[in-house]
Amino acid sequence: MAVLKVKPAVIILALLSVVLYALLFIPGSDDPDVIRFLVISQVIFAVYLGLLYLCRRLGVNPVNNRRLWLMLIGIALLIRVVTYVGSDEQAWLSDDVYRYVWEGKLVLNGYNPYITSPRDMAGTMLADSTIYPHINHNWLPTIYPPLSEYLFVVAYSIGGDSLHGFKLLSFLFELATAMLLLYLVIVARLPWWTYFIYLFSPLIIIEFIMSSHLDILAMPFFVLSLALLTKRPPPSAIIGVLLALAVAIKLYALFFVPIVYLFFRNGRRTRFLVAFLLTLVLLYLPFVATAGWQVFGSVWTYLGTWQYNGSIFKLLDLTVGNVAARIISGALFVTVFLGAVFYKRRRRDLFERMFLIFGAYLILTPSLFGWYLVWIIPFLVIFRNLSFLVLTGTVFLSYHVLIGYYRDGVWSEYWLLRVIEYLPFFVLLGMELYRRISRREPLST
C-alpha cells in the first residue's frame, strides 16, 4: 500500500518541478527579479531532493516500474523544453554566452582570439549592436581552449549575431550528456534511480539549458571516458582522445589526466598518452601558428586575480590576505592532488580519487561559479554523496550579488546568504568524513 502512495507522489513532485521552472520566466519589470530567482531556485531544489528520496525508496527502474520510469524521463525532457523556450535570448544570470558567440564570429572571420581582445575590434564591422556591447572583460583575449573555439564557430554559423545558435548547441550537447549518463549507470551497474540525480538536477537545467555555459560541451566526452574506464580492458587510446577533447573545451578536465594515465599499465599507458597529446596538438596547432605561447590567452590572469564565491579561500583571504590565501589554498590543493594521484594507488578506487581531486578544488578555489559543479555530478551519480549534492542547489544563492548589480550597478555581498550556501555543505561533509574515518565507510550511501 505504501508503494502505491509513493508512485503518485513521485509524479506530482516531477510535475511540480515543471511549474516551478516555468515561473522563472514569467514576464515582470525590465530588470530581472533576482530575489524571485533565489527563492524559486531553492524551492526547485527542495522538490528535487524530495523526488530523489522517493525514487530511491521506490527503487525506480525500467524493469519493475517501466511506466513510471518512462513518465519521469518524459517530464525531465519537458522541463528542458520549457526552460529552453522560456530562456530564449535571455542571459541575465551570466553574460558569458555573449563572448562565446563573439569569439565564434571572430574566428570565422580569420582572427585569432588568443591575441585579439574584443576591445581591439571596437569600431570595426564585426562590432555589432546585439552581441558586442554585452561581452564581459572585453579588454582580455579568450580564456577558452581550441575545441571550444571551433564549437563557437558552429554556434555562430547557426545563429549569427544572436544567442540562438549557442543555446541550441548547448541544448543538444546536454541531451547527449543525459544519454551517456544513462550508459554510465548501465555499464557501472549503478542503481537505476541514480540516473535521476543527473536528469532532474536543477544545476543542469539552470546553468546549461537556461544560461548555456560552456562546460556542458565537454560533458559528453568526459562522461563517455568514465563509462569506458569501467570496461575490462578499457580502450586506452579512445579514452585519451576523449579526455583531450574535454580538455580542449574546458581545462578542468586536465585534473583527471595524471590519475587516468597511471591507471593504465605498460603499452596501454603509452597509447593513452600518445592519443591524448596528439589530439591536443592537432587542435591547438591552427592557433599556435599565429599566437605562439600566447595561445593560453587570459588563463594566467584568471588564476592570479579572479575570485568569486569562495569558501575556504575567502576565510583565508579575510585572515591572512589575498596573496597568502592563494599560496595556502594552492599548496593545500596540490597536496591533496598529489596524494590522490600517488598514495597507495589502487585501480579499483580510480573514480573515488578523481572525485577527491575535484572536490578539493571546489572547496579551495578562489572562484566557485555554479556551473563548475557540473564536473562533480557524474561522481554524485556514482557515489550518491549528499554534501556535494546539497551544494549543487545552495550554490544558486551565490547569485545574490546580482541584487545590487541590477539595482545600482554594484555587486552586493549578503554574508548571511553566503553562510546559508555553505553551512549545510560543510556540516554534511564533516559528518561524511567522520563516518568514513571512524567506521571506514565508502563514499557511496
Protein backbone atom coordinates (compact mmCIF):
# COMPACT_ATOMS: atom_id res chain seq x y z
CA MET A 1 0.00 0.00 0.00
CA ALA A 2 2.88 2.34 0.84
CA VAL A 3 4.37 1.80 -2.61
CA LEU A 4 1.05 2.69 -4.25
CA LYS A 5 1.09 6.02 -2.40
CA VAL A 6 4.70 6.77 -3.32
CA LYS A 7 4.20 6.45 -7.10
CA PRO A 8 1.72 9.33 -7.49
CA ALA A 9 3.84 11.45 -5.12
CA VAL A 10 6.81 10.99 -7.45
CA ILE A 11 4.77 12.14 -10.45
CA ILE A 12 3.34 15.10 -8.50
CA LEU A 13 6.80 16.30 -7.50
CA ALA A 14 8.10 15.91 -11.06
CA LEU A 15 5.16 17.88 -12.49
CA LEU A 16 5.54 20.50 -9.77
CA SER A 17 9.11 20.97 -10.99
CA VAL A 18 7.80 21.83 -14.46
CA VAL A 19 5.56 24.53 -12.99
CA LEU A 20 8.37 25.96 -10.87
CA TYR A 21 10.75 26.21 -13.80
CA ALA A 22 8.03 27.94 -15.81
CA LEU A 23 7.66 30.50 -13.01
CA LEU A 24 11.26 31.59 -13.61
CA PHE A 25 10.20 33.06 -16.94
CA ILE A 26 7.06 34.98 -16.00
CA PRO A 27 7.46 38.48 -17.51
CA GLY A 28 7.99 41.18 -14.92
CA SER A 29 9.73 44.52 -14.85
CA ASP A 30 12.51 45.47 -17.22
CA ASP A 31 15.16 44.46 -14.66
CA PRO A 32 15.49 40.75 -13.71
CA ASP A 33 13.93 39.78 -10.38
CA VAL A 34 16.94 38.22 -8.67
CA ILE A 35 15.17 37.69 -5.35
CA ARG A 36 12.39 35.75 -7.08
CA PHE A 37 15.03 33.60 -8.76
CA LEU A 38 16.78 32.90 -5.45
CA VAL A 39 13.52 31.81 -3.79
CA ILE A 40 12.24 29.71 -6.69
CA SER A 41 15.62 28.02 -7.24
CA GLN A 42 15.69 26.85 -3.62
CA VAL A 43 12.10 25.57 -3.82
CA ILE A 44 13.01 23.73 -7.02
CA PHE A 45 15.98 22.17 -5.26
CA ALA A 46 13.88 21.10 -2.27
CA VAL A 47 11.41 19.42 -4.64
CA TYR A 48 14.36 17.76 -6.40
CA LEU A 49 15.64 16.29 -3.12
CA GLY A 50 12.16 15.00 -2.32
CA LEU A 51 11.91 13.42 -5.76
CA LEU A 52 15.26 11.67 -5.35
CA TYR A 53 14.28 10.40 -1.92
CA LEU A 54 11.08 8.85 -3.27
CA CYS A 55 12.82 7.42 -6.34
CA ARG A 56 15.41 5.78 -4.10
CA ARG A 57 12.78 4.47 -1.70
CA LEU A 58 10.75 3.06 -4.57
CA GLY A 59 13.81 1.78 -6.42
CA VAL A 60 12.51 3.17 -9.70
CA ASN A 61 13.82 1.18 -12.65
CA PRO A 62 12.78 0.43 -16.25
CA VAL A 63 12.10 -3.24 -15.43
CA ASN A 64 9.70 -3.19 -12.47
CA ASN A 65 8.48 0.40 -12.88
CA ARG A 66 8.58 0.77 -16.65
CA ARG A 67 5.65 3.17 -16.95
CA LEU A 68 6.85 5.38 -14.09
CA TRP A 69 10.40 5.32 -15.47
CA LEU A 70 9.25 6.50 -18.90
CA MET A 71 6.97 9.14 -17.40
CA LEU A 72 9.82 10.61 -15.37
CA ILE A 73 12.10 10.72 -18.40
CA GLY A 74 9.31 12.42 -20.36
CA ILE A 75 8.79 15.01 -17.63
CA ALA A 76 12.55 15.66 -17.42
CA LEU A 77 12.53 16.31 -21.17
CA LEU A 78 9.51 18.60 -20.75
CA ILE A 79 11.41 20.61 -18.11
CA ARG A 80 14.25 21.06 -20.59
CA VAL A 81 11.93 22.22 -23.36
CA VAL A 82 10.12 24.66 -21.04
CA THR A 83 13.44 26.09 -19.86
CA TYR A 84 14.94 26.23 -23.34
CA VAL A 85 11.94 28.06 -24.79
CA GLY A 86 11.43 30.28 -21.74
CA SER A 87 15.04 31.44 -21.61
CA ASP A 88 15.30 32.24 -25.31
CA GLU A 89 17.61 35.23 -25.82
CA GLN A 90 17.96 35.60 -22.02
CA ALA A 91 21.35 35.67 -20.32
CA TRP A 92 20.82 37.77 -17.20
CA LEU A 93 22.35 35.31 -14.71
CA SER A 94 25.60 35.34 -16.68
CA ASP A 95 26.77 37.13 -19.80
CA ASP A 96 29.44 34.56 -20.75
CA VAL A 97 27.38 33.32 -23.69
CA TYR A 98 27.83 36.65 -25.47
CA ARG A 99 31.59 36.11 -25.54
CA TYR A 100 31.08 32.57 -26.90
CA VAL A 101 29.10 33.92 -29.83
CA TRP A 102 31.51 36.80 -30.39
CA GLU A 103 34.56 34.53 -30.47
CA GLY A 104 32.86 32.24 -32.97
CA LYS A 105 32.33 35.28 -35.17
CA LEU A 106 35.93 36.37 -34.64
CA VAL A 107 37.42 33.01 -35.64
CA LEU A 108 35.06 32.67 -38.60
CA ASN A 109 36.41 35.98 -39.89
CA GLY A 110 40.02 34.87 -39.65
CA TYR A 111 41.11 36.43 -36.33
CA ASN A 112 42.93 34.62 -33.54
CA PRO A 113 41.01 35.09 -30.24
CA TYR A 114 44.13 34.31 -28.17
CA ILE A 115 45.79 37.55 -29.28
CA THR A 116 42.76 39.64 -30.26
CA SER A 117 40.55 41.03 -27.50
CA PRO A 118 37.01 42.30 -28.14
CA ARG A 119 38.22 45.83 -27.39
CA ASP A 120 40.73 45.54 -30.23
CA MET A 121 37.81 45.23 -32.64
CA ALA A 122 35.93 48.32 -31.46
CA GLY A 123 34.75 50.41 -34.39
CA THR A 124 35.13 47.60 -36.92
CA MET A 125 32.38 46.00 -38.99
CA LEU A 126 32.40 42.99 -36.62
CA ALA A 127 31.38 45.08 -33.60
CA ASP A 128 27.62 44.55 -33.93
CA SER A 129 24.96 46.14 -31.73
CA THR A 130 23.45 42.86 -30.46
CA ILE A 131 26.32 40.77 -29.08
CA TYR A 132 29.39 43.00 -28.90
CA PRO A 133 28.14 45.52 -26.25
CA HIS A 134 27.46 42.69 -23.77
CA ILE A 135 30.88 40.99 -23.87
CA ASN A 136 32.41 40.80 -20.39
CA HIS A 137 36.06 41.67 -19.68
CA ASN A 138 36.36 42.97 -23.22
CA TRP A 139 39.98 44.06 -22.74
CA LEU A 140 41.12 40.43 -22.35
CA PRO A 141 41.69 37.86 -25.09
CA THR A 142 39.99 34.50 -24.72
CA ILE A 143 40.46 32.09 -21.82
CA TYR A 144 38.91 29.13 -23.65
CA PRO A 145 40.76 26.16 -25.25
CA PRO A 146 40.70 25.45 -29.02
CA LEU A 147 37.85 22.97 -29.43
CA SER A 148 35.56 25.41 -27.66
CA GLU A 149 36.52 27.99 -30.30
CA TYR A 150 35.62 25.60 -33.12
CA LEU A 151 32.26 24.94 -31.47
CA PHE A 152 31.71 28.69 -31.08
CA VAL A 153 32.16 28.90 -34.86
CA VAL A 154 29.48 26.23 -35.29
CA ALA A 155 27.16 28.15 -32.96
CA TYR A 156 27.72 31.44 -34.80
CA SER A 157 27.19 29.73 -38.15
CA ILE A 158 23.80 28.55 -36.89
CA GLY A 159 22.54 31.66 -35.12
CA GLY A 160 24.59 34.60 -36.36
CA ASP A 161 24.51 37.69 -34.12
CA SER A 162 22.10 36.13 -31.63
CA LEU A 163 22.19 33.63 -28.77
CA HIS A 164 20.08 31.09 -30.69
CA GLY A 165 23.00 29.16 -32.15
CA PHE A 166 24.88 28.55 -28.93
CA LYS A 167 21.73 27.85 -26.94
CA LEU A 168 20.74 25.18 -29.46
CA LEU A 169 24.23 23.69 -29.43
CA SER A 170 24.37 23.52 -25.64
CA PHE A 171 20.84 22.05 -25.56
CA LEU A 172 21.88 19.25 -27.93
CA PHE A 173 25.12 18.56 -26.05
CA GLU A 174 23.17 18.37 -22.78
CA LEU A 175 20.83 15.77 -24.28
CA ALA A 176 23.88 13.80 -25.44
CA THR A 177 25.28 14.02 -21.90
CA ALA A 178 21.99 12.74 -20.47
CA MET A 179 22.06 9.70 -22.76
CA LEU A 180 25.70 8.94 -21.94
CA LEU A 181 24.98 9.28 -18.21
CA LEU A 182 22.41 6.52 -18.63
CA TYR A 183 25.07 4.44 -20.37
CA LEU A 184 27.40 5.05 -17.41
CA VAL A 185 24.68 3.91 -15.00
CA ILE A 186 24.26 0.71 -17.01
CA VAL A 187 27.93 -0.23 -17.51
CA ALA A 188 28.91 0.71 -13.94
CA ARG A 189 25.92 -1.31 -12.66
CA LEU A 190 24.63 1.55 -10.55
CA PRO A 191 21.11 1.59 -9.08
CA TRP A 192 18.73 2.78 -11.79
CA TRP A 193 17.28 5.58 -9.67
CA THR A 194 20.68 7.31 -9.55
CA TYR A 195 20.13 8.39 -13.15
CA PHE A 196 17.63 10.95 -11.86
CA ILE A 197 20.40 12.64 -9.84
CA TYR A 198 21.55 13.98 -13.17
CA LEU A 199 18.31 14.06 -15.13
CA PHE A 200 16.39 16.30 -12.69
CA SER A 201 19.39 18.26 -11.40
CA PRO A 202 18.50 21.98 -11.10
CA LEU A 203 22.17 22.76 -11.69
CA ILE A 204 21.99 21.16 -15.13
CA ILE A 205 18.71 22.83 -16.05
CA ILE A 206 19.55 26.34 -14.82
CA GLU A 207 23.26 26.62 -15.62
CA PHE A 208 23.20 24.90 -19.00
CA ILE A 209 19.71 24.82 -20.50
CA MET A 210 18.89 28.29 -19.16
CA SER A 211 22.29 30.01 -19.01
CA SER A 212 24.15 27.94 -21.65
CA HIS A 213 27.57 27.72 -20.05
CA LEU A 214 30.47 26.21 -21.93
CA ASP A 215 31.20 23.21 -19.68
CA ILE A 216 28.26 21.20 -20.97
CA LEU A 217 30.01 20.90 -24.34
CA ALA A 218 32.80 18.92 -22.64
CA MET A 219 30.49 16.64 -20.68
CA PRO A 220 29.66 14.05 -23.38
CA PHE A 221 33.37 13.35 -23.89
CA PHE A 222 34.10 13.27 -20.16
CA VAL A 223 31.15 11.05 -19.23
CA LEU A 224 31.89 8.62 -22.05
CA SER A 225 35.51 8.40 -20.88
CA LEU A 226 34.27 7.48 -17.38
CA ALA A 227 31.98 4.80 -18.81
CA LEU A 228 34.79 3.31 -20.90
CA LEU A 229 37.09 3.24 -17.85
CA THR A 230 34.76 0.60 -16.38
CA LYS A 231 35.45 -1.74 -19.31
CA ARG A 232 37.90 -4.61 -19.00
CA PRO A 233 40.21 -3.88 -20.65
CA PRO A 234 39.49 -0.18 -21.09
CA PRO A 235 40.28 1.23 -24.56
CA SER A 236 43.18 3.47 -23.57
CA ALA A 237 43.65 5.30 -26.88
CA ILE A 238 39.96 6.15 -27.18
CA ILE A 239 39.90 7.40 -23.59
CA GLY A 240 42.99 9.51 -24.34
CA VAL A 241 41.21 11.13 -27.28
CA LEU A 242 38.03 11.72 -25.26
CA LEU A 243 39.86 13.36 -22.36
CA ALA A 244 41.83 15.51 -24.80
CA LEU A 245 38.58 16.67 -26.39
CA ALA A 246 37.22 17.51 -22.93
CA VAL A 247 40.40 19.42 -22.04
CA ALA A 248 40.24 21.26 -25.37
CA ILE A 249 36.82 22.58 -24.34
CA LYS A 250 37.43 23.26 -20.63
CA LEU A 251 40.81 22.92 -18.93
CA TYR A 252 39.29 21.43 -15.78
CA ALA A 253 39.48 18.01 -17.41
CA LEU A 254 43.29 18.25 -17.01
CA PHE A 255 42.85 17.47 -13.31
CA PHE A 256 41.91 13.90 -14.20
CA VAL A 257 44.59 13.15 -16.80
CA PRO A 258 47.52 12.15 -14.48
CA ILE A 259 45.39 9.81 -12.44
CA VAL A 260 43.93 8.13 -15.54
CA TYR A 261 47.40 7.90 -17.09
CA LEU A 262 48.69 6.00 -14.03
CA PHE A 263 45.58 3.82 -14.06
CA PHE A 264 46.81 2.22 -17.27
CA ARG A 265 49.78 -0.10 -17.45
CA ASN A 266 52.57 -0.81 -19.91
CA GLY A 267 51.57 -0.36 -23.56
CA ARG A 268 48.09 0.96 -22.74
CA ARG A 269 49.65 3.79 -20.76
CA THR A 270 51.73 4.77 -23.78
CA ARG A 271 48.75 4.57 -26.14
CA PHE A 272 46.69 6.75 -23.81
CA LEU A 273 49.39 9.42 -23.58
CA VAL A 274 50.14 9.48 -27.31
CA ALA A 275 46.44 9.72 -28.22
CA PHE A 276 45.88 12.45 -25.63
CA LEU A 277 48.85 14.60 -26.65
CA LEU A 278 48.39 14.13 -30.40
CA THR A 279 44.74 15.17 -30.20
CA LEU A 280 45.58 18.30 -28.20
CA VAL A 281 48.45 19.28 -30.52
CA LEU A 282 46.25 18.95 -33.61
CA LEU A 283 43.53 21.09 -32.03
CA TYR A 284 45.90 23.80 -30.80
CA LEU A 285 48.08 23.92 -33.91
CA PRO A 286 46.00 26.31 -36.06
CA PHE A 287 46.00 28.89 -33.25
CA VAL A 288 49.64 28.37 -32.22
CA ALA A 289 50.73 29.29 -35.74
CA THR A 290 49.90 32.97 -35.11
CA ALA A 291 49.65 33.19 -31.29
CA GLY A 292 52.71 31.16 -30.23
CA TRP A 293 52.94 30.90 -26.44
CA GLN A 294 50.08 33.37 -26.11
CA VAL A 295 47.77 30.51 -27.04
CA PHE A 296 46.75 30.20 -23.38
CA GLY A 297 45.12 33.61 -23.62
CA SER A 298 43.94 35.03 -20.30
CA VAL A 299 44.27 31.84 -18.24
CA TRP A 300 47.08 33.30 -16.12
CA THR A 301 45.07 36.44 -15.45
CA TYR A 302 42.18 34.30 -14.25
CA LEU A 303 44.37 32.18 -11.98
CA GLY A 304 46.14 35.16 -10.47
CA THR A 305 43.40 37.70 -9.90
CA TRP A 306 39.80 36.46 -10.15
CA GLN A 307 37.79 35.50 -7.12
CA TYR A 308 34.10 34.88 -6.59
CA ASN A 309 32.06 32.91 -4.05
CA GLY A 310 34.99 31.06 -2.50
CA SER A 311 34.60 29.26 0.83
CA ILE A 312 37.88 28.22 2.48
CA PHE A 313 39.76 30.67 0.27
CA LYS A 314 37.52 33.52 1.37
CA LEU A 315 38.16 32.74 5.04
CA LEU A 316 41.90 32.70 4.36
CA ASP A 317 41.64 35.94 2.41
CA LEU A 318 39.94 37.65 5.37
CA THR A 319 42.55 36.42 7.85
CA VAL A 320 45.93 36.40 6.07
CA GLY A 321 45.36 38.47 2.93
CA ASN A 322 44.81 37.68 -0.74
CA VAL A 323 48.33 36.69 -1.77
CA ALA A 324 48.88 34.40 1.23
CA ALA A 325 45.42 32.94 0.75
CA ARG A 326 46.24 31.98 -2.84
CA ILE A 327 49.52 30.41 -1.77
CA ILE A 328 47.98 28.43 1.10
CA SER A 329 44.91 27.25 -0.82
CA GLY A 330 47.08 26.37 -3.81
CA ALA A 331 49.50 24.40 -1.63
CA LEU A 332 46.65 22.54 0.04
CA PHE A 333 45.16 21.61 -3.31
CA VAL A 334 48.50 20.42 -4.68
CA THR A 335 48.95 18.28 -1.55
CA VAL A 336 45.52 16.66 -1.99
CA PHE A 337 46.12 16.25 -5.72
CA LEU A 338 49.47 14.53 -5.32
CA GLY A 339 48.13 12.36 -2.52
CA ALA A 340 45.18 11.25 -4.62
CA VAL A 341 47.40 10.50 -7.61
CA PHE A 342 50.30 8.72 -5.93
CA TYR A 343 49.39 7.50 -2.42
CA LYS A 344 48.50 3.79 -2.33
CA ARG A 345 47.24 3.75 -5.87
CA ARG A 346 44.62 1.08 -6.40
CA ARG A 347 42.86 0.50 -9.68
CA ARG A 348 39.51 -0.12 -8.03
CA ASP A 349 39.28 3.33 -6.41
CA LEU A 350 40.02 5.36 -9.55
CA PHE A 351 36.68 7.23 -9.53
CA GLU A 352 36.93 7.91 -5.81
CA ARG A 353 40.30 9.59 -6.24
CA MET A 354 39.03 11.62 -9.21
CA PHE A 355 36.10 12.71 -7.04
CA LEU A 356 38.51 13.69 -4.25
CA ILE A 357 40.63 15.83 -6.57
CA PHE A 358 37.81 17.88 -7.98
CA GLY A 359 36.00 18.07 -4.64
CA ALA A 360 39.15 19.56 -3.10
CA TYR A 361 39.36 22.06 -5.93
CA LEU A 362 35.79 23.22 -5.37
CA ILE A 363 36.46 23.72 -1.67
CA LEU A 364 39.77 25.58 -2.08
CA THR A 365 39.26 27.58 -5.27
CA PRO A 366 39.11 31.40 -5.13
CA SER A 367 36.27 31.30 -7.68
CA LEU A 368 33.32 28.95 -7.47
CA PHE A 369 30.71 29.66 -10.10
CA GLY A 370 27.73 27.33 -10.03
CA TRP A 371 28.41 25.74 -13.40
CA TYR A 372 31.82 24.45 -12.22
CA LEU A 373 29.94 21.86 -10.17
CA VAL A 374 28.84 20.01 -13.30
CA TRP A 375 32.21 18.23 -13.27
CA ILE A 376 31.32 16.56 -10.00
CA ILE A 377 27.78 15.46 -10.93
CA PRO A 378 28.88 12.20 -12.64
CA PHE A 379 30.60 11.29 -9.37
CA LEU A 380 27.43 12.12 -7.43
CA VAL A 381 25.63 9.59 -9.63
CA ILE A 382 28.33 7.03 -8.83
CA PHE A 383 28.76 7.72 -5.10
CA ARG A 384 25.43 9.37 -4.09
CA ASN A 385 27.35 11.87 -1.96
CA LEU A 386 24.93 14.08 -0.04
CA SER A 387 27.17 17.03 0.86
CA PHE A 388 28.14 17.93 -2.70
CA LEU A 389 24.62 17.15 -3.89
CA VAL A 390 23.32 19.80 -1.47
CA LEU A 391 25.95 22.27 -2.70
CA THR A 392 24.65 21.90 -6.28
CA GLY A 393 21.44 23.52 -5.03
CA THR A 394 22.58 26.03 -2.43
CA VAL A 395 25.18 27.38 -4.88
CA PHE A 396 22.36 29.31 -6.59
CA LEU A 397 22.36 31.61 -3.56
CA SER A 398 25.69 32.97 -4.82
CA TYR A 399 23.69 34.91 -7.41
CA HIS A 400 22.63 37.25 -4.60
CA VAL A 401 25.42 39.56 -5.78
CA LEU A 402 23.19 40.42 -8.75
CA ILE A 403 20.61 42.06 -6.49
CA GLY A 404 22.76 45.16 -6.14
CA TYR A 405 24.10 44.87 -9.67
CA TYR A 406 20.67 45.25 -11.26
CA ARG A 407 19.65 47.87 -8.71
CA ASP A 408 22.63 50.25 -8.82
CA GLY A 409 25.33 48.59 -10.94
CA VAL A 410 27.39 47.31 -8.00
CA TRP A 411 27.78 43.71 -6.85
CA SER A 412 26.42 43.34 -3.33
CA GLU A 413 27.51 40.79 -0.71
CA TYR A 414 24.95 39.40 1.72
CA TRP A 415 27.01 37.37 4.15
CA LEU A 416 24.02 35.58 5.64
CA LEU A 417 23.26 34.09 2.23
CA ARG A 418 26.90 33.05 1.82
CA VAL A 419 26.69 31.26 5.18
CA ILE A 420 23.41 29.58 4.22
CA GLU A 421 25.00 28.48 0.94
CA TYR A 422 27.98 26.76 2.54
CA LEU A 423 26.98 25.78 6.09
CA PRO A 424 24.85 22.73 5.15
CA PHE A 425 27.58 21.55 2.81
CA PHE A 426 30.39 21.70 5.36
CA VAL A 427 28.26 20.18 8.14
CA LEU A 428 27.32 17.24 5.91
CA LEU A 429 30.88 16.93 4.60
CA GLY A 430 32.22 16.82 8.15
CA MET A 431 29.74 14.09 9.07
CA GLU A 432 30.66 12.07 5.99
CA LEU A 433 34.38 12.36 6.66
CA TYR A 434 33.86 11.38 10.30
CA ARG A 435 31.91 8.28 9.33
CA ARG A 436 34.48 7.39 6.70
CA ILE A 437 37.46 7.77 9.03
CA SER A 438 35.94 6.24 12.17
CA ARG A 439 33.97 3.41 10.53
CA ARG A 440 35.85 3.11 7.24
CA GLU A 441 32.65 3.56 5.28
CA PRO A 442 32.73 4.05 1.47
CA LEU A 443 31.77 7.34 -0.15
CA SER A 444 28.51 5.96 -1.50
CA THR A 445 25.33 5.84 0.58
